[in-house]
C-alpha cells in the first residue's frame, strides 16, 4: 500500500531538529514553541541546549533528543559515554549517536559494538545509531546496521546531514536489514512534503529535519486543496 499525504499526520513523524552550531538561546526557544504549535513529538538539539529545552517543554509530552559524537563519530568511547550520561542527566530521553566510521572501515566491529552497547546499557534511553550511509558501501551499511542492532539500538539513522542526506534507497536498504526490529530514522536534506512521504513509503518511521514547520504547512495546503 502506497501512503499519500492524506493518509498520515506528517507532524507525528518529525524529530524537529536544531543542529545549527550558531543557534542562539532564542532559536532554541523558537524551536520548542514550534514543536508545541505543530505537534512534533521530539525536538533534537545540541547537548549544550538540552537542559533549556527540557525546562521549556516540561509541561508537554514532547521528548528532548540530543546528539552524541556529532558529527564525525571520532570521539573516544569514554567521551561519548560521558556525553550520553550528561545529556540523560539533564533530561534527554533520546540519543542520536554517530558511529565510528574509521573503526567500521578498519573492520573493528567489536569496538563499535562495545561502544554503542555501553551507551544503550548505561543510559537506558532510546538510542539511534547514525550510520552516515552516504559514506558507506552496501556491504559496510549492512555491517554497521547489524552490529548496531546487536548492540541494542532502538533506531538505525541514515545520516548526520553534514556529509549528504537520506535517500529512498538507503532507507529501504536499512528497512530490509532491520526486518521491523527497530525504527528507521531518515535524516538530512528532507525539505518538503514530497520527499518526506517518499521516505515514509521506503520504510522511515522518523524524519529528522529542520524544515518540519514548512512540511506541515505544505501538508495542510495539500489536504485543504
Protein backbone atom coordinates (compact mmCIF):
# COMPACT_ATOMS: atom_id res chain seq x y z
CA UNK A 1 0.00 0.00 0.00
CA UNK A 2 1.37 3.38 -1.01
CA UNK A 3 0.95 6.11 1.60
CA UNK A 4 -0.12 9.56 0.45
CA UNK A 5 -0.09 12.91 2.23
CA UNK A 6 -3.76 12.42 3.03
CA UNK A 7 -3.08 9.17 4.90
CA UNK A 8 -0.81 10.41 7.70
CA UNK A 9 -0.29 13.24 10.13
CA UNK A 10 3.20 14.13 8.95
CA UNK A 11 3.98 16.06 12.15
CA UNK A 12 3.92 12.81 14.13
CA UNK A 13 6.95 11.53 12.18
CA UNK A 14 9.17 14.55 12.70
CA UNK A 15 12.12 14.98 15.05
CA UNK A 16 12.20 18.78 14.92
CA UNK A 17 15.93 19.45 14.67
CA UNK A 18 18.01 22.49 15.57
CA UNK A 19 21.59 21.46 14.86
CA UNK A 20 22.99 24.72 13.57
CA UNK A 21 26.20 25.32 15.57
CA UNK A 22 25.41 29.04 15.77
CA UNK A 23 21.89 28.54 17.17
CA UNK A 24 21.10 31.04 19.91
CA UNK A 25 19.05 30.65 23.08
CA UNK A 26 16.19 32.42 21.29
CA UNK A 27 16.48 29.89 18.46
CA UNK A 28 16.09 27.06 20.98
CA UNK A 29 13.03 28.73 22.45
CA UNK A 30 11.54 29.15 18.96
CA UNK A 31 12.27 25.51 18.12
CA UNK A 32 10.45 24.33 21.24
CA UNK A 33 7.48 26.62 20.60
CA UNK A 34 7.26 25.37 17.02
CA UNK A 35 7.18 21.80 18.29
CA UNK A 36 4.29 22.67 20.58
CA UNK A 37 2.38 24.50 17.85
CA UNK A 38 2.89 21.82 15.18
CA UNK A 39 2.56 18.75 17.37
CA UNK A 40 6.06 17.37 16.81
CA UNK A 41 6.80 14.50 19.24
CA UNK A 42 10.53 15.24 19.54
CA UNK A 43 12.93 18.16 19.42
CA UNK A 44 16.59 17.42 18.73
CA UNK A 45 19.15 19.97 19.95
CA UNK A 46 22.85 20.08 20.74
CA UNK A 47 23.88 18.84 24.21
CA UNK A 48 24.52 22.38 25.43
CA UNK A 49 20.82 23.18 24.89
CA UNK A 50 19.28 20.04 26.43
CA UNK A 51 18.69 21.48 29.88
CA UNK A 52 16.94 24.57 28.48
CA UNK A 53 14.79 22.54 26.07
CA UNK A 54 13.74 20.17 28.86
CA UNK A 55 12.79 23.17 31.00
CA UNK A 56 10.80 24.79 28.20
CA UNK A 57 8.92 21.57 27.43
CA UNK A 58 8.42 20.22 30.96
CA UNK A 59 4.63 20.61 30.77
CA UNK A 60 4.46 18.97 27.34
CA UNK A 61 4.65 15.38 26.12
CA UNK A 62 7.37 16.38 23.67
CA UNK A 63 10.61 14.45 24.16
CA UNK A 64 14.05 16.02 24.03
CA UNK A 65 16.74 14.31 21.96
CA UNK A 66 20.37 15.24 21.51
CA UNK A 67 23.40 14.14 19.53
CA UNK A 68 26.45 12.24 20.74
CA UNK A 69 29.82 12.26 18.94
CA UNK A 70 28.32 14.62 16.38
CA UNK A 71 29.05 14.99 13.52
CA UNK A 72 32.11 12.77 12.94
CA UNK A 73 31.74 9.95 15.48
CA UNK A 74 35.50 10.04 16.03
CA UNK A 75 35.48 10.86 19.75
CA UNK A 76 36.84 8.32 22.20
CA UNK A 77 34.36 5.86 23.75
CA UNK A 78 34.82 7.48 27.16
CA UNK A 79 33.97 10.92 25.83
CA UNK A 80 30.88 9.60 24.04
CA UNK A 81 29.69 7.77 27.14
CA UNK A 82 30.20 10.85 29.31
CA UNK A 83 28.33 12.98 26.77
CA UNK A 84 25.47 10.47 26.75
CA UNK A 85 25.29 10.26 30.54
CA UNK A 86 25.38 14.02 30.98
CA UNK A 87 22.63 14.51 28.40
CA UNK A 88 20.34 11.98 30.08
CA UNK A 89 21.09 13.50 33.49
CA UNK A 90 19.89 16.81 32.04
CA UNK A 91 16.67 15.17 30.86
CA UNK A 92 17.28 13.95 27.32
CA UNK A 93 15.37 10.74 26.63
CA UNK A 94 16.70 10.07 23.12
CA UNK A 95 20.31 9.99 21.91
CA UNK A 96 21.40 10.13 18.26
CA UNK A 97 24.87 8.59 18.36
CA UNK A 98 27.32 8.78 15.45
CA UNK A 99 29.21 5.51 15.00
CA UNK A 100 32.96 5.49 14.44
CA UNK A 101 33.31 5.24 10.66
CA UNK A 102 37.06 4.72 10.82
CA UNK A 103 36.56 1.66 13.01
CA UNK A 104 33.92 0.33 10.61
CA UNK A 105 36.20 0.71 7.61
CA UNK A 106 39.03 -0.92 9.59
CA UNK A 107 36.86 -3.93 10.41
CA UNK A 108 36.78 -3.18 14.15
CA UNK A 109 33.15 -4.18 14.56
CA UNK A 110 33.71 -5.43 18.10
CA UNK A 111 34.92 -1.95 19.11
CA UNK A 112 31.78 -0.36 17.64
CA UNK A 113 29.59 -2.93 19.37
CA UNK A 114 31.20 -2.29 22.75
CA UNK A 115 30.90 1.48 22.40
CA UNK A 116 27.25 1.52 21.32
CA UNK A 117 26.20 -1.24 23.75
CA UNK A 118 27.72 0.65 26.69
CA UNK A 119 25.70 3.76 25.82
CA UNK A 120 22.49 1.72 25.43
CA UNK A 121 23.02 -0.16 28.68
CA UNK A 122 24.22 2.67 30.88
CA UNK A 123 21.67 5.29 29.84
CA UNK A 124 18.60 3.12 29.32
CA UNK A 125 17.09 5.60 26.85
CA UNK A 126 16.22 5.45 23.16
CA UNK A 127 19.45 5.26 21.15
CA UNK A 128 19.55 5.96 17.41
CA UNK A 129 22.75 4.88 15.67
CA UNK A 130 23.80 7.31 12.94
CA UNK A 131 25.46 5.27 10.20
CA UNK A 132 26.33 8.06 7.71
CA UNK A 133 25.15 5.91 4.83
CA UNK A 134 26.38 8.26 2.09
CA UNK A 135 29.94 7.41 3.11
CA UNK A 136 29.44 3.62 3.09
CA UNK A 137 29.26 0.81 0.57
CA UNK A 138 26.27 -1.51 0.75
CA UNK A 139 28.45 -4.09 2.50
CA UNK A 140 29.54 -1.51 5.08
CA UNK A 141 25.94 -0.35 5.59
CA UNK A 142 24.91 -3.92 6.32
CA UNK A 143 27.80 -4.50 8.73
CA UNK A 144 27.12 -1.22 10.53
CA UNK A 145 23.40 -1.93 10.80
CA UNK A 146 23.87 -5.46 12.10
CA UNK A 147 26.44 -4.55 14.75
CA UNK A 148 24.24 -1.69 16.00
CA UNK A 149 21.19 -3.95 16.10
CA UNK A 150 23.18 -6.45 18.15
CA UNK A 151 24.31 -3.65 20.46
CA UNK A 152 20.71 -2.80 21.36
CA UNK A 153 19.83 0.39 19.49
CA UNK A 154 16.21 1.42 19.03
CA UNK A 155 16.70 3.09 15.64
CA UNK A 156 19.00 2.98 12.65
CA UNK A 157 19.52 6.52 11.35
CA UNK A 158 20.82 7.33 7.90
CA UNK A 159 22.85 10.50 8.27
CA UNK A 160 24.05 13.49 10.23
CA UNK A 161 23.21 15.68 7.24
CA UNK A 162 26.75 17.05 7.19
CA UNK A 163 28.02 14.66 4.52
CA UNK A 164 24.91 14.11 2.44
CA UNK A 165 21.39 13.20 3.38
CA UNK A 166 18.83 10.45 3.43
CA UNK A 167 17.87 8.66 0.22
CA UNK A 168 14.90 6.45 -0.52
CA UNK A 169 17.31 3.67 -1.48
CA UNK A 170 19.22 3.79 1.81
CA UNK A 171 16.05 3.88 3.89
CA UNK A 172 14.67 0.88 2.02
CA UNK A 173 18.01 -0.92 2.47
CA UNK A 174 18.01 -0.37 6.24
CA UNK A 175 14.34 -1.32 6.44
CA UNK A 176 15.08 -4.66 4.78
CA UNK A 177 18.01 -5.36 7.10
CA UNK A 178 16.16 -4.43 10.28
CA UNK A 179 13.10 -6.55 9.42
CA UNK A 180 10.94 -4.41 11.67
CA UNK A 181 13.08 -4.95 14.78
CA UNK A 182 13.85 -1.24 15.17
CA UNK A 183 12.74 2.08 13.80
CA UNK A 184 14.35 3.75 10.81
CA UNK A 185 15.16 7.45 11.03
CA UNK A 186 15.77 9.28 7.77
CA UNK A 187 17.74 12.46 8.24
CA UNK A 188 19.48 15.06 6.11
CA UNK A 189 18.10 17.02 3.19
CA UNK A 190 14.40 16.46 3.94
CA UNK A 191 12.99 19.79 2.83
CA UNK A 192 9.48 19.19 1.51
CA UNK A 193 6.38 17.06 1.87
CA UNK A 194 7.04 15.05 -1.27
CA UNK A 195 10.43 13.80 -0.09
CA UNK A 196 9.05 13.12 3.40
CA UNK A 197 6.26 10.92 2.06
CA UNK A 198 8.67 9.09 -0.25
CA UNK A 199 10.93 8.25 2.69
CA UNK A 200 7.99 7.02 4.77
CA UNK A 201 6.94 4.75 1.91
CA UNK A 202 10.50 3.40 1.81
CA UNK A 203 10.28 2.43 5.49
CA UNK A 204 11.16 5.51 7.55
CA UNK A 205 9.39 5.72 10.89
CA UNK A 206 11.05 9.01 11.88
CA UNK A 207 12.16 12.04 9.90
CA UNK A 208 14.93 14.27 11.21
CA UNK A 209 14.60 17.72 9.71
CA UNK A 210 14.81 21.42 10.46
CA UNK A 211 12.12 22.06 7.84
CA UNK A 212 9.26 20.49 9.79
CA UNK A 213 7.19 23.65 10.06
CA UNK A 214 7.26 24.13 6.30
CA UNK A 215 6.47 20.46 5.67
CA UNK A 216 3.46 20.62 7.98
CA UNK A 217 2.29 23.77 6.19
CA UNK A 218 2.65 22.02 2.84
CA UNK A 219 0.54 19.11 4.05
CA UNK A 220 -2.19 21.43 5.29
CA UNK A 221 -2.25 23.20 1.93
CA UNK A 222 -2.28 19.85 0.13
CA UNK A 223 -5.19 18.48 2.16
CA UNK A 224 -7.16 21.75 2.13
CA UNK A 225 -6.73 21.89 -1.65
